[in-house]
Amino acid sequence: MKLFFDSNVWVANFATRGFCEDLVKFTIGMHDQTNLVLITCPAVHGETIRILRDKFRLSAIDLQRVDIVFSRLHTVPNGHHWQPSADFPDPDDAPIIGAALAAGTDLFVTGDKALLALDTIENLPIRSPRDTYILLRDLPH
């Protein structure tokens, strides 16, 4: 299974305690032991670093730790070729969704309410971290 986490999932993982942290720990463990693949793109990595640095004031050492985690993921190019419909909620998310689509991602995970309201984009299911965690816990591993 190919999973793509939106930057808000990564930010919550690195900056707070809670569900996203549990989800990331669980999926990284599965990533190392099963056929689950965590996919990202430069836009997600860059946005995560920027928010953690500017909003949460993570130290340079902590940001290096974030880079180490991202280096373990399968990175695909930003999806600049995907053109969202006119009613797409945030055009800044288009390269991220495009990357997830181009990579053949099975599930896009986000806390973004506007993206979650779409439910699916071109057969790509969009799910919350909570729903994803429940789904993954029920898979055989």
C-alpha atoms as a PDB file:
ATOM      1  CA  MET A   1       0.000   0.000   0.000  1.00  0.00           C
ATOM      2  CA  LYS A   2       1.294   3.462  -0.909  1.00  0.00           C
ATOM      3  CA  LEU A   3       0.517   6.243   1.573  1.00  0.00           C
ATOM      4  CA  PHE A   4       1.054   9.960   1.054  1.00  0.00           C
ATOM      5  CA  PHE A   5       0.897  12.229   4.117  1.00  0.00           C
ATOM      6  CA  ASP A   6       0.054  15.898   3.644  1.00  0.00           C
ATOM      7  CA  SER A   7       2.372  18.397   5.324  1.00  0.00           C
ATOM      8  CA  ASN A   8      -0.127  19.050   8.131  1.00  0.00           C
ATOM      9  CA  VAL A   9       0.235  15.409   9.229  1.00  0.00           C
ATOM     10  CA  TRP A  10       4.028  15.718   9.309  1.00  0.00           C
ATOM     11  CA  VAL A  11       3.900  19.056  11.148  1.00  0.00           C
ATOM     12  CA  ALA A  12       1.565  17.619  13.786  1.00  0.00           C
ATOM     13  CA  ASN A  13       3.848  14.603  14.124  1.00  0.00           C
ATOM     14  CA  PHE A  14       6.982  16.654  14.749  1.00  0.00           C
ATOM     15  CA  ALA A  15       5.485  19.580  16.692  1.00  0.00           C
ATOM     16  CA  THR A  16       2.819  18.050  18.908  1.00  0.00           C
ATOM     17  CA  ARG A  17       1.915  14.924  20.818  1.00  0.00           C
ATOM     18  CA  GLY A  18      -1.112  13.011  19.669  1.00  0.00           C
ATOM     19  CA  PHE A  19      -2.734  11.036  16.940  1.00  0.00           C
ATOM     20  CA  CYS A  20      -0.500  12.096  14.043  1.00  0.00           C
ATOM     21  CA  GLU A  21       2.567  11.161  16.051  1.00  0.00           C
ATOM     22  CA  ASP A  22       1.073   7.711  16.726  1.00  0.00           C
ATOM     23  CA  LEU A  23       0.140   7.293  13.067  1.00  0.00           C
ATOM     24  CA  VAL A  24       3.602   8.248  11.801  1.00  0.00           C
ATOM     25  CA  LYS A  25       5.373   5.951  14.284  1.00  0.00           C
ATOM     26  CA  PHE A  26       3.066   3.091  13.349  1.00  0.00           C
ATOM     27  CA  THR A  27       3.443   3.583   9.589  1.00  0.00           C
ATOM     28  CA  ILE A  28       7.211   4.009   9.740  1.00  0.00           C
ATOM     29  CA  GLY A  29       7.372   0.719  11.615  1.00  0.00           C
ATOM     30  CA  MET A  30       5.215  -0.898   8.943  1.00  0.00           C
ATOM     31  CA  HIS A  31       7.248   0.820   6.209  1.00  0.00           C
ATOM     32  CA  ASP A  32      10.325  -0.958   7.482  1.00  0.00           C
ATOM     33  CA  GLN A  33       8.664  -4.374   7.833  1.00  0.00           C
ATOM     34  CA  THR A  34       5.936  -4.680   5.183  1.00  0.00           C
ATOM     35  CA  ASN A  35       5.026  -3.628   1.667  1.00  0.00           C
ATOM     36  CA  LEU A  36       3.676  -0.302   2.912  1.00  0.00           C
ATOM     37  CA  VAL A  37       5.451   2.601   1.197  1.00  0.00           C
ATOM     38  CA  LEU A  38       5.449   6.149   2.531  1.00  0.00           C
ATOM     39  CA  ILE A  39       5.606   8.630  -0.329  1.00  0.00           C
ATOM     40  CA  THR A  40       6.340  12.333  -0.245  1.00  0.00           C
ATOM     41  CA  CYS A  41       7.380  15.138  -2.555  1.00  0.00           C
ATOM     42  CA  PRO A  42       9.646  18.187  -2.250  1.00  0.00           C
ATOM     43  CA  ALA A  43       6.638  20.488  -1.732  1.00  0.00           C
ATOM     44  CA  VAL A  44       5.531  18.560   1.369  1.00  0.00           C
ATOM     45  CA  HIS A  45       9.067  18.315   2.729  1.00  0.00           C
ATOM     46  CA  GLY A  46       9.732  22.012   2.177  1.00  0.00           C
ATOM     47  CA  GLU A  47       6.407  23.152   3.618  1.00  0.00           C
ATOM     48  CA  THR A  48       6.891  20.934   6.664  1.00  0.00           C
ATOM     49  CA  ILE A  49      10.367  22.338   7.325  1.00  0.00           C
ATOM     50  CA  ARG A  50       9.202  25.935   6.777  1.00  0.00           C
ATOM     51  CA  ILE A  51       6.263  25.625   9.191  1.00  0.00           C
ATOM     52  CA  LEU A  52       8.297  23.813  11.839  1.00  0.00           C
ATOM     53  CA  ARG A  53      11.039  26.453  11.606  1.00  0.00           C
ATOM     54  CA  ASP A  54       8.893  29.584  11.337  1.00  0.00           C
ATOM     55  CA  LYS A  55       5.809  28.764  13.399  1.00  0.00           C
ATOM     56  CA  PHE A  56       7.093  26.207  15.890  1.00  0.00           C
ATOM     57  CA  ARG A  57      10.687  27.487  16.097  1.00  0.00           C
ATOM     58  CA  LEU A  58      12.297  24.055  15.919  1.00  0.00           C
ATOM     59  CA  SER A  59      16.051  24.161  16.321  1.00  0.00           C
ATOM     60  CA  ALA A  60      18.478  23.399  13.515  1.00  0.00           C
ATOM     61  CA  ILE A  61      19.226  20.040  15.128  1.00  0.00           C
ATOM     62  CA  ASP A  62      15.531  19.146  15.304  1.00  0.00           C
ATOM     63  CA  LEU A  63      15.093  20.187  11.668  1.00  0.00           C
ATOM     64  CA  GLN A  64      17.978  17.880  10.739  1.00  0.00           C
ATOM     65  CA  ARG A  65      16.086  15.062  12.451  1.00  0.00           C
ATOM     66  CA  VAL A  66      13.064  15.908  10.295  1.00  0.00           C
ATOM     67  CA  ASP A  67      15.289  15.703   7.212  1.00  0.00           C
ATOM     68  CA  ILE A  68      16.512  12.270   8.323  1.00  0.00           C
ATOM     69  CA  VAL A  69      12.931  11.000   8.559  1.00  0.00           C
ATOM     70  CA  PHE A  70      12.105  12.413   5.123  1.00  0.00           C
ATOM     71  CA  SER A  71      15.247  10.769   3.675  1.00  0.00           C
ATOM     72  CA  ARG A  72      13.719   7.379   4.537  1.00  0.00           C
ATOM     73  CA  LEU A  73      10.601   8.066   2.452  1.00  0.00           C
ATOM     74  CA  HIS A  74      10.082   7.438  -1.233  1.00  0.00           C
ATOM     75  CA  THR A  75      10.254  10.921  -2.777  1.00  0.00           C
ATOM     76  CA  VAL A  76       8.550  11.703  -6.083  1.00  0.00           C
ATOM     77  CA  PRO A  77       8.623  14.990  -8.016  1.00  0.00           C
ATOM     78  CA  ASN A  78       5.996  17.631  -7.337  1.00  0.00           C
ATOM     79  CA  GLY A  79       3.021  17.037  -9.616  1.00  0.00           C
ATOM     80  CA  HIS A  80       2.990  20.266 -11.610  1.00  0.00           C
ATOM     81  CA  HIS A  81       1.306  18.588 -14.573  1.00  0.00           C
ATOM     82  CA  TRP A  82      -1.936  17.794 -12.774  1.00  0.00           C
ATOM     83  CA  GLN A  83      -4.620  20.414 -13.329  1.00  0.00           C
ATOM     84  CA  PRO A  84      -7.311  20.584 -10.661  1.00  0.00           C
ATOM     85  CA  SER A  85     -10.871  21.539 -11.420  1.00  0.00           C
ATOM     86  CA  ALA A  86     -11.894  25.175 -11.028  1.00  0.00           C
ATOM     87  CA  ASP A  87     -13.587  24.427  -7.694  1.00  0.00           C
ATOM     88  CA  PHE A  88     -10.483  22.838  -6.144  1.00  0.00           C
ATOM     89  CA  PRO A  89     -10.237  24.352  -2.633  1.00  0.00           C
ATOM     90  CA  ASP A  90      -6.583  25.500  -2.597  1.00  0.00           C
ATOM     91  CA  PRO A  91      -4.490  25.801  -5.778  1.00  0.00           C
ATOM     92  CA  ASP A  92      -1.317  25.637  -3.622  1.00  0.00           C
ATOM     93  CA  ASP A  93      -2.198  21.991  -2.876  1.00  0.00           C
ATOM     94  CA  ALA A  94      -2.301  21.058  -6.576  1.00  0.00           C
ATOM     95  CA  PRO A  95       1.412  20.056  -6.851  1.00  0.00           C
ATOM     96  CA  ILE A  96       1.042  17.867  -3.768  1.00  0.00           C
ATOM     97  CA  ILE A  97      -2.106  16.122  -4.979  1.00  0.00           C
ATOM     98  CA  GLY A  98      -0.528  15.853  -8.433  1.00  0.00           C
ATOM     99  CA  ALA A  99       2.527  14.137  -6.945  1.00  0.00           C
ATOM    100  CA  ALA A 100       0.335  11.696  -5.021  1.00  0.00           C
ATOM    101  CA  LEU A 101      -1.658  10.901  -8.166  1.00  0.00           C
ATOM    102  CA  ALA A 102       1.451  10.497 -10.336  1.00  0.00           C
ATOM    103  CA  ALA A 103       2.974   8.107  -7.788  1.00  0.00           C
ATOM    104  CA  GLY A 104      -0.075   5.843  -7.866  1.00  0.00           C
ATOM    105  CA  THR A 105      -0.769   6.492  -4.211  1.00  0.00           C
ATOM    106  CA  ASP A 106      -3.450   4.330  -2.622  1.00  0.00           C
ATOM    107  CA  LEU A 107      -4.378   6.794   0.126  1.00  0.00           C
ATOM    108  CA  PHE A 108      -3.817  10.517   0.705  1.00  0.00           C
ATOM    109  CA  VAL A 109      -3.816  11.403   4.401  1.00  0.00           C
ATOM    110  CA  THR A 110      -4.578  14.932   5.553  1.00  0.00           C
ATOM    111  CA  GLY A 111      -6.156  16.980   8.281  1.00  0.00           C
ATOM    112  CA  ASP A 112      -7.203  19.645   5.762  1.00  0.00           C
ATOM    113  CA  LYS A 113     -10.987  19.870   6.065  1.00  0.00           C
ATOM    114  CA  ALA A 114     -11.453  21.204   2.516  1.00  0.00           C
ATOM    115  CA  LEU A 115      -9.525  18.269   1.035  1.00  0.00           C
ATOM    116  CA  LEU A 116     -11.272  15.782   3.318  1.00  0.00           C
ATOM    117  CA  ALA A 117     -14.623  17.116   2.108  1.00  0.00           C
ATOM    118  CA  LEU A 118     -13.666  16.072  -1.435  1.00  0.00           C
ATOM    119  CA  ASP A 119     -13.399  12.440  -0.210  1.00  0.00           C
ATOM    120  CA  THR A 120     -11.737  11.327  -3.472  1.00  0.00           C
ATOM    121  CA  ILE A 121      -9.778  12.928  -6.290  1.00  0.00           C
ATOM    122  CA  GLU A 122      -9.486  10.878  -9.471  1.00  0.00           C
ATOM    123  CA  ASN A 123      -9.910   7.591  -7.564  1.00  0.00           C
ATOM    124  CA  LEU A 124      -7.449   8.669  -4.863  1.00  0.00           C
ATOM    125  CA  PRO A 125      -9.167   8.314  -1.476  1.00  0.00           C
ATOM    126  CA  ILE A 126      -8.564  11.190   0.938  1.00  0.00           C
ATOM    127  CA  ARG A 127      -8.715  10.215   4.588  1.00  0.00           C
ATOM    128  CA  SER A 128      -8.049  11.731   7.986  1.00  0.00           C
ATOM    129  CA  PRO A 129      -5.149  10.564  10.143  1.00  0.00           C
ATOM    130  CA  ARG A 130      -7.630   8.931  12.547  1.00  0.00           C
ATOM    131  CA  ASP A 131      -9.400   6.973   9.789  1.00  0.00           C
ATOM    132  CA  THR A 132      -6.061   5.929   8.332  1.00  0.00           C
ATOM    133  CA  TYR A 133      -4.741   4.732  11.668  1.00  0.00           C
ATOM    134  CA  ILE A 134      -7.872   2.629  12.225  1.00  0.00           C
ATOM    135  CA  LEU A 135      -7.603   1.199   8.699  1.00  0.00           C
ATOM    136  CA  LEU A 136      -3.930   0.294   9.083  1.00  0.00           C
ATOM    137  CA  ARG A 137      -4.384  -1.243  12.510  1.00  0.00           C
ATOM    138  CA  ASP A 138      -6.903  -3.656  10.972  1.00  0.00           C
ATOM    139  CA  LEU A 139      -4.587  -4.759   8.148  1.00  0.00           C
ATOM    140  CA  PRO A 140      -2.603  -7.973   8.636  1.00  0.00           C
ATOM    141  CA  HIS A 141       1.077  -7.276   9.247  1.00  0.00           C
END
